[in-house]
Amino acid sequence: MNCIDRPSSPQVVSRPERKTGRLQQWDDSRGYGWVEMGKHRIFVHIKEFEPRRRRPMDGDEIEFAVGLDLQGRTCARQVHLVRSGGKVSIGRWSSLLLLLVLPVSAGCQIPGAPFWIVPSGMAVSSVVAWAMYRADKHRAESHRWRIPESRLHFWEFWGGWPGGFLAQAWFRHKTRKSTFQVLFWLIVAIHQLIAFAWIMRDHWEVWRQGVGRLFSE
């Protein structure tokens, strides 16, 4: 599918207007996909990409000119990779804040420990987890040896799951692998349950004593 410039008018041919969009349903084996531009999708072929360091991937943001193929159909041409990966939506930030309520609250209630010790530890582990997601994403793009998933989960387990949660959205990485997601959310659930149990520890004791008296009568 070869594209040609679409002139701005029949009389005057100007430099094609540049637009931006995001790659969708990219088939790397066949070298084509679609670019999402508002409510419309435009065909894009690998031959239209300008010289680049890596192959295009789903979710990449691209800049392009609108052209026509030999059959008069709209397509993207003179395509340039703007930035790989995605962004962290407001909804994801909101979800993270909700998920942090229990762990941070529990961490602030540890006897004899500064209130900031647990949040600080989670922040450090999250930075490490973010960096490892970033490195693994770049290795995947350049077809190099990957970082073991167990290492990503290790840092998530030791408090770095917030960094992993954000990195998955920002780099569009590991979001479609179901086995990875199951383990990731299991780690998050474990942190939530431990935090909840710690916050409610005094209430558990009252409940246990009440149940004990009930059965002793």
C-alpha atoms as a PDB file:
ATOM      1  CA  MET A   1       0.000   0.000   0.000  1.00  0.00           C
ATOM      2  CA  ASN A   2       1.827   3.100  -1.230  1.00  0.00           C
ATOM      3  CA  CYS A   3       0.768   6.530   0.009  1.00  0.00           C
ATOM      4  CA  ILE A   4       0.973   9.886  -1.738  1.00  0.00           C
ATOM      5  CA  ASP A   5       0.609  13.374  -0.297  1.00  0.00           C
ATOM      6  CA  ARG A   6      -2.852  14.817  -0.063  1.00  0.00           C
ATOM      7  CA  PRO A   7      -2.663  18.421  -1.370  1.00  0.00           C
ATOM      8  CA  SER A   8      -4.402  21.093   0.690  1.00  0.00           C
ATOM      9  CA  SER A   9      -6.203  22.381  -2.426  1.00  0.00           C
ATOM     10  CA  PRO A  10      -6.287  21.595  -6.180  1.00  0.00           C
ATOM     11  CA  GLN A  11      -4.353  24.756  -7.020  1.00  0.00           C
ATOM     12  CA  VAL A  12      -1.758  25.025  -4.259  1.00  0.00           C
ATOM     13  CA  VAL A  13       0.366  22.158  -2.962  1.00  0.00           C
ATOM     14  CA  SER A  14       1.806  22.898   0.497  1.00  0.00           C
ATOM     15  CA  ARG A  15       3.745  20.925   3.027  1.00  0.00           C
ATOM     16  CA  PRO A  16       1.399  18.248   4.464  1.00  0.00           C
ATOM     17  CA  GLU A  17      -0.034  19.125   7.863  1.00  0.00           C
ATOM     18  CA  ARG A  18       1.481  17.036  10.638  1.00  0.00           C
ATOM     19  CA  LYS A  19      -0.849  15.194  13.003  1.00  0.00           C
ATOM     20  CA  THR A  20      -0.351  13.008  16.047  1.00  0.00           C
ATOM     21  CA  GLY A  21      -1.996   9.758  17.064  1.00  0.00           C
ATOM     22  CA  ARG A  22      -1.394   6.447  18.790  1.00  0.00           C
ATOM     23  CA  LEU A  23      -0.638   3.099  17.145  1.00  0.00           C
ATOM     24  CA  GLN A  24      -3.356   0.476  17.563  1.00  0.00           C
ATOM     25  CA  GLN A  25      -3.466  -3.214  16.567  1.00  0.00           C
ATOM     26  CA  TRP A  26       0.100  -3.110  15.267  1.00  0.00           C
ATOM     27  CA  ASP A  27       1.068  -6.365  13.521  1.00  0.00           C
ATOM     28  CA  ASP A  28       4.856  -6.380  13.561  1.00  0.00           C
ATOM     29  CA  SER A  29       5.145  -9.574  11.506  1.00  0.00           C
ATOM     30  CA  ARG A  30       3.219  -7.961   8.658  1.00  0.00           C
ATOM     31  CA  GLY A  31       4.503  -4.459   9.235  1.00  0.00           C
ATOM     32  CA  TYR A  32       1.267  -2.547   9.459  1.00  0.00           C
ATOM     33  CA  GLY A  33      -1.404  -1.341  11.827  1.00  0.00           C
ATOM     34  CA  TRP A  34      -3.664   1.601  12.507  1.00  0.00           C
ATOM     35  CA  VAL A  35      -3.239   5.013  14.022  1.00  0.00           C
ATOM     36  CA  GLU A  36      -5.992   6.322  16.245  1.00  0.00           C
ATOM     37  CA  MET A  37      -6.838   9.960  15.525  1.00  0.00           C
ATOM     38  CA  GLY A  38      -9.909  11.074  17.432  1.00  0.00           C
ATOM     39  CA  LYS A  39     -12.808   8.874  16.367  1.00  0.00           C
ATOM     40  CA  HIS A  40     -11.076   7.763  13.171  1.00  0.00           C
ATOM     41  CA  ARG A  41      -8.492   5.096  12.375  1.00  0.00           C
ATOM     42  CA  ILE A  42      -5.936   5.503   9.608  1.00  0.00           C
ATOM     43  CA  PHE A  43      -3.853   2.743   8.030  1.00  0.00           C
ATOM     44  CA  VAL A  44      -0.088   2.943   8.578  1.00  0.00           C
ATOM     45  CA  HIS A  45       2.652   0.797   7.006  1.00  0.00           C
ATOM     46  CA  ILE A  46       6.178   0.161   8.254  1.00  0.00           C
ATOM     47  CA  LYS A  47       7.638   1.588   5.025  1.00  0.00           C
ATOM     48  CA  GLU A  48       6.254   5.011   5.909  1.00  0.00           C
ATOM     49  CA  PHE A  49       8.271   5.250   9.136  1.00  0.00           C
ATOM     50  CA  GLU A  50      11.305   7.519   9.077  1.00  0.00           C
ATOM     51  CA  PRO A  51      14.676   6.073  10.218  1.00  0.00           C
ATOM     52  CA  ARG A  52      14.342   4.903  13.827  1.00  0.00           C
ATOM     53  CA  ARG A  53      16.222   3.010  16.535  1.00  0.00           C
ATOM     54  CA  ARG A  54      13.602   0.302  17.001  1.00  0.00           C
ATOM     55  CA  ARG A  55      10.469  -1.287  15.598  1.00  0.00           C
ATOM     56  CA  PRO A  56       7.082   0.346  16.257  1.00  0.00           C
ATOM     57  CA  MET A  57       4.912  -1.134  19.016  1.00  0.00           C
ATOM     58  CA  ASP A  58       1.290  -0.982  20.114  1.00  0.00           C
ATOM     59  CA  GLY A  59       0.608   2.229  22.027  1.00  0.00           C
ATOM     60  CA  ASP A  60       3.451   4.243  20.483  1.00  0.00           C
ATOM     61  CA  GLU A  61       2.678   7.900  19.921  1.00  0.00           C
ATOM     62  CA  ILE A  62       3.487   8.926  16.353  1.00  0.00           C
ATOM     63  CA  GLU A  63       3.535  12.074  14.254  1.00  0.00           C
ATOM     64  CA  PHE A  64       2.500  11.750  10.619  1.00  0.00           C
ATOM     65  CA  ALA A  65       1.101  13.389   7.497  1.00  0.00           C
ATOM     66  CA  VAL A  66      -2.201  12.295   5.984  1.00  0.00           C
ATOM     67  CA  GLY A  67      -1.949  10.858   2.486  1.00  0.00           C
ATOM     68  CA  LEU A  68      -3.847   8.714  -0.003  1.00  0.00           C
ATOM     69  CA  ASP A  69      -3.017   5.283  -1.374  1.00  0.00           C
ATOM     70  CA  LEU A  70      -3.331   4.384  -5.060  1.00  0.00           C
ATOM     71  CA  GLN A  71      -6.980   3.472  -4.502  1.00  0.00           C
ATOM     72  CA  GLY A  72      -7.728   6.858  -2.952  1.00  0.00           C
ATOM     73  CA  ARG A  73      -7.940   5.574   0.622  1.00  0.00           C
ATOM     74  CA  THR A  74      -6.607   7.620   3.535  1.00  0.00           C
ATOM     75  CA  CYS A  75      -3.313   6.475   5.066  1.00  0.00           C
ATOM     76  CA  ALA A  76      -0.471   7.808   7.210  1.00  0.00           C
ATOM     77  CA  ARG A  77       2.855   8.742   5.657  1.00  0.00           C
ATOM     78  CA  GLN A  78       6.175  10.301   6.719  1.00  0.00           C
ATOM     79  CA  VAL A  79       5.636   8.699  10.114  1.00  0.00           C
ATOM     80  CA  HIS A  80       7.855   9.653  13.043  1.00  0.00           C
ATOM     81  CA  LEU A  81       7.953   7.980  16.470  1.00  0.00           C
ATOM     82  CA  VAL A  82       7.300  10.621  19.103  1.00  0.00           C
ATOM     83  CA  ARG A  83       7.355   8.610  22.316  1.00  0.00           C
ATOM     84  CA  SER A  84       6.882   4.989  23.206  1.00  0.00           C
ATOM     85  CA  GLY A  85       4.537   3.851  25.924  1.00  0.00           C
ATOM     86  CA  GLY A  86       1.515   5.545  27.357  1.00  0.00           C
ATOM     87  CA  LYS A  87       0.555   7.780  30.234  1.00  0.00           C
ATOM     88  CA  VAL A  88      -0.800   7.472  33.749  1.00  0.00           C
ATOM     89  CA  SER A  89      -4.463   8.454  33.737  1.00  0.00           C
ATOM     90  CA  ILE A  90      -6.246  10.347  36.505  1.00  0.00           C
ATOM     91  CA  GLY A  91      -8.259   7.203  37.195  1.00  0.00           C
ATOM     92  CA  ARG A  92      -5.086   5.196  37.774  1.00  0.00           C
ATOM     93  CA  TRP A  93      -3.693   7.845  40.116  1.00  0.00           C
ATOM     94  CA  SER A  94      -6.995   7.797  42.023  1.00  0.00           C
ATOM     95  CA  SER A  95      -6.894   3.999  42.260  1.00  0.00           C
ATOM     96  CA  LEU A  96      -3.335   4.129  43.585  1.00  0.00           C
ATOM     97  CA  LEU A  97      -4.281   6.644  46.277  1.00  0.00           C
ATOM     98  CA  LEU A  98      -7.102   4.366  47.431  1.00  0.00           C
ATOM     99  CA  LEU A  99      -4.798   1.338  47.477  1.00  0.00           C
ATOM    100  CA  LEU A 100      -2.269   3.250  49.580  1.00  0.00           C
ATOM    101  CA  VAL A 101      -4.716   4.166  52.357  1.00  0.00           C
ATOM    102  CA  LEU A 102      -4.448   0.905  54.311  1.00  0.00           C
ATOM    103  CA  PRO A 103      -0.677   0.243  53.937  1.00  0.00           C
ATOM    104  CA  VAL A 104       0.304   3.822  54.797  1.00  0.00           C
ATOM    105  CA  SER A 105      -2.142   3.971  57.715  1.00  0.00           C
ATOM    106  CA  ALA A 106      -0.823   0.677  59.082  1.00  0.00           C
ATOM    107  CA  GLY A 107       2.774   1.782  58.636  1.00  0.00           C
ATOM    108  CA  CYS A 108       2.152   4.911  60.667  1.00  0.00           C
ATOM    109  CA  GLN A 109       0.924   2.790  63.604  1.00  0.00           C
ATOM    110  CA  ILE A 110       4.035   0.682  64.163  1.00  0.00           C
ATOM    111  CA  PRO A 111       5.079   1.132  67.821  1.00  0.00           C
ATOM    112  CA  GLY A 112       8.489   2.719  68.301  1.00  0.00           C
ATOM    113  CA  ALA A 113       9.020   3.413  64.595  1.00  0.00           C
ATOM    114  CA  PRO A 114       8.930   6.853  62.934  1.00  0.00           C
ATOM    115  CA  PHE A 115       5.655   7.388  61.068  1.00  0.00           C
ATOM    116  CA  TRP A 116       7.552   7.952  57.832  1.00  0.00           C
ATOM    117  CA  ILE A 117       9.589   4.728  57.835  1.00  0.00           C
ATOM    118  CA  VAL A 118       7.096   2.525  55.937  1.00  0.00           C
ATOM    119  CA  PRO A 119       6.069   5.164  53.341  1.00  0.00           C
ATOM    120  CA  SER A 120       9.751   5.929  52.730  1.00  0.00           C
ATOM    121  CA  GLY A 121      10.578   2.255  52.280  1.00  0.00           C
ATOM    122  CA  MET A 122       7.702   1.843  49.840  1.00  0.00           C
ATOM    123  CA  ALA A 123       8.877   4.911  47.928  1.00  0.00           C
ATOM    124  CA  VAL A 124      12.424   3.557  47.578  1.00  0.00           C
ATOM    125  CA  SER A 125      11.212   0.116  46.478  1.00  0.00           C
ATOM    126  CA  SER A 126       8.799   1.762  44.034  1.00  0.00           C
ATOM    127  CA  VAL A 127      11.616   3.746  42.424  1.00  0.00           C
ATOM    128  CA  VAL A 128      13.607   0.528  41.995  1.00  0.00           C
ATOM    129  CA  ALA A 129      10.562  -1.274  40.562  1.00  0.00           C
ATOM    130  CA  TRP A 130       9.915   1.613  38.135  1.00  0.00           C
ATOM    131  CA  ALA A 131      13.537   1.537  36.966  1.00  0.00           C
ATOM    132  CA  MET A 132      13.381  -2.222  36.411  1.00  0.00           C
ATOM    133  CA  TYR A 133      10.159  -1.948  34.398  1.00  0.00           C
ATOM    134  CA  ARG A 134      11.790   0.749  32.298  1.00  0.00           C
ATOM    135  CA  ALA A 135      14.909  -1.342  31.713  1.00  0.00           C
ATOM    136  CA  ASP A 136      12.871  -4.439  30.837  1.00  0.00           C
ATOM    137  CA  LYS A 137      10.730  -2.445  28.402  1.00  0.00           C
ATOM    138  CA  HIS A 138      13.827  -1.144  26.620  1.00  0.00           C
ATOM    139  CA  ARG A 139      15.314  -4.633  26.487  1.00  0.00           C
ATOM    140  CA  ALA A 140      12.093  -5.964  24.983  1.00  0.00           C
ATOM    141  CA  GLU A 141      12.134  -3.247  22.319  1.00  0.00           C
ATOM    142  CA  SER A 142      15.737  -4.014  21.361  1.00  0.00           C
ATOM    143  CA  HIS A 143      15.248  -7.815  21.587  1.00  0.00           C
ATOM    144  CA  ARG A 144      17.847  -8.209  24.337  1.00  0.00           C
ATOM    145  CA  TRP A 145      17.953 -10.523  27.357  1.00  0.00           C
ATOM    146  CA  ARG A 146      14.995  -9.720  29.617  1.00  0.00           C
ATOM    147  CA  ILE A 147      14.829  -9.027  33.336  1.00  0.00           C
ATOM    148  CA  PRO A 148      13.282 -12.058  35.110  1.00  0.00           C
ATOM    149  CA  GLU A 149       9.696 -11.495  36.184  1.00  0.00           C
ATOM    150  CA  SER A 150      10.566 -12.903  39.596  1.00  0.00           C
ATOM    151  CA  ARG A 151      12.855  -9.927  40.143  1.00  0.00           C
ATOM    152  CA  LEU A 152      10.069  -7.490  39.320  1.00  0.00           C
ATOM    153  CA  HIS A 153       7.743  -9.302  41.718  1.00  0.00           C
ATOM    154  CA  PHE A 154      10.463  -9.350  44.388  1.00  0.00           C
ATOM    155  CA  TRP A 155      10.599  -5.560  44.541  1.00  0.00           C
ATOM    156  CA  GLU A 156       6.822  -5.305  44.297  1.00  0.00           C
ATOM    157  CA  PHE A 157       6.472  -7.663  47.257  1.00  0.00           C
ATOM    158  CA  TRP A 158       8.863  -5.575  49.352  1.00  0.00           C
ATOM    159  CA  GLY A 159       6.749  -2.463  48.963  1.00  0.00           C
ATOM    160  CA  GLY A 160       7.452  -1.494  45.369  1.00  0.00           C
ATOM    161  CA  TRP A 161       4.037  -2.422  43.981  1.00  0.00           C
ATOM    162  CA  PRO A 162       2.950   1.265  43.676  1.00  0.00           C
ATOM    163  CA  GLY A 163       5.902   1.879  41.348  1.00  0.00           C
ATOM    164  CA  GLY A 164       5.022  -1.235  39.360  1.00  0.00           C
ATOM    165  CA  PHE A 165       1.378  -0.166  39.191  1.00  0.00           C
ATOM    166  CA  LEU A 166       2.315   3.184  37.631  1.00  0.00           C
ATOM    167  CA  ALA A 167       5.095   1.774  35.431  1.00  0.00           C
ATOM    168  CA  GLN A 168       2.738  -0.724  33.812  1.00  0.00           C
ATOM    169  CA  ALA A 169       0.586   2.146  32.544  1.00  0.00           C
ATOM    170  CA  TRP A 170       3.420   4.518  31.646  1.00  0.00           C
ATOM    171  CA  PHE A 171       5.483   1.985  29.695  1.00  0.00           C
ATOM    172  CA  ARG A 172       2.488  -0.119  28.563  1.00  0.00           C
ATOM    173  CA  HIS A 173       4.384  -3.109  29.865  1.00  0.00           C
ATOM    174  CA  LYS A 174       3.186  -6.449  31.306  1.00  0.00           C
ATOM    175  CA  THR A 175      -0.442  -5.311  31.139  1.00  0.00           C
ATOM    176  CA  ARG A 176      -1.608  -8.106  28.822  1.00  0.00           C
ATOM    177  CA  LYS A 177       0.193 -11.043  30.395  1.00  0.00           C
ATOM    178  CA  SER A 178      -2.436 -12.671  32.602  1.00  0.00           C
ATOM    179  CA  THR A 179      -0.052 -14.781  34.708  1.00  0.00           C
ATOM    180  CA  PHE A 180       2.015 -11.714  35.549  1.00  0.00           C
ATOM    181  CA  GLN A 181      -1.072  -9.684  36.421  1.00  0.00           C
ATOM    182  CA  VAL A 182      -2.422 -12.439  38.683  1.00  0.00           C
ATOM    183  CA  LEU A 183       0.801 -12.489  40.712  1.00  0.00           C
ATOM    184  CA  PHE A 184       0.992  -8.707  40.774  1.00  0.00           C
ATOM    185  CA  TRP A 185      -2.526  -8.304  42.160  1.00  0.00           C
ATOM    186  CA  LEU A 186      -1.939 -11.152  44.608  1.00  0.00           C
ATOM    187  CA  ILE A 187       0.980  -9.154  46.007  1.00  0.00           C
ATOM    188  CA  VAL A 188      -1.200  -6.038  46.250  1.00  0.00           C
ATOM    189  CA  ALA A 189      -3.938  -8.050  47.989  1.00  0.00           C
ATOM    190  CA  ILE A 190      -1.448  -9.476  50.509  1.00  0.00           C
ATOM    191  CA  HIS A 191      -0.301  -5.968  51.409  1.00  0.00           C
ATOM    192  CA  GLN A 192      -3.899  -4.820  51.822  1.00  0.00           C
ATOM    193  CA  LEU A 193      -4.831  -7.773  54.043  1.00  0.00           C
ATOM    194  CA  ILE A 194      -1.755  -7.452  56.268  1.00  0.00           C
ATOM    195  CA  ALA A 195      -2.363  -3.720  56.661  1.00  0.00           C
ATOM    196  CA  PHE A 196      -6.044  -4.252  57.463  1.00  0.00           C
ATOM    197  CA  ALA A 197      -5.244  -6.942  60.030  1.00  0.00           C
ATOM    198  CA  TRP A 198      -2.679  -4.678  61.705  1.00  0.00           C
ATOM    199  CA  ILE A 199      -5.046  -1.700  61.897  1.00  0.00           C
ATOM    200  CA  MET A 200      -7.794  -3.894  63.346  1.00  0.00           C
ATOM    201  CA  ARG A 201      -5.528  -5.785  65.772  1.00  0.00           C
ATOM    202  CA  ASP A 202      -7.118  -4.262  68.897  1.00  0.00           C
ATOM    203  CA  HIS A 203     -10.591  -4.971  67.584  1.00  0.00           C
ATOM    204  CA  TRP A 204      -9.643  -8.603  66.881  1.00  0.00           C
ATOM    205  CA  GLU A 205      -8.650  -9.017  70.525  1.00  0.00           C
ATOM    206  CA  VAL A 206     -11.945  -7.553  71.751  1.00  0.00           C
ATOM    207  CA  TRP A 207     -13.832  -9.793  69.342  1.00  0.00           C
ATOM    208  CA  ARG A 208     -11.847 -12.861  70.453  1.00  0.00           C
ATOM    209  CA  GLN A 209     -12.543 -12.165  74.114  1.00  0.00           C
ATOM    210  CA  GLY A 210     -16.227 -11.623  73.398  1.00  0.00           C
ATOM    211  CA  VAL A 211     -16.497 -14.903  71.518  1.00  0.00           C
ATOM    212  CA  GLY A 212     -14.595 -16.661  74.310  1.00  0.00           C
ATOM    213  CA  ARG A 213     -17.000 -15.385  76.969  1.00  0.00           C
ATOM    214  CA  LEU A 214     -19.950 -16.367  74.796  1.00  0.00           C
ATOM    215  CA  PHE A 215     -18.833 -19.996  74.573  1.00  0.00           C
ATOM    216  CA  SER A 216     -17.743 -20.175  78.207  1.00  0.00           C
ATOM    217  CA  GLU A 217     -21.215 -19.310  79.478  1.00  0.00           C
END
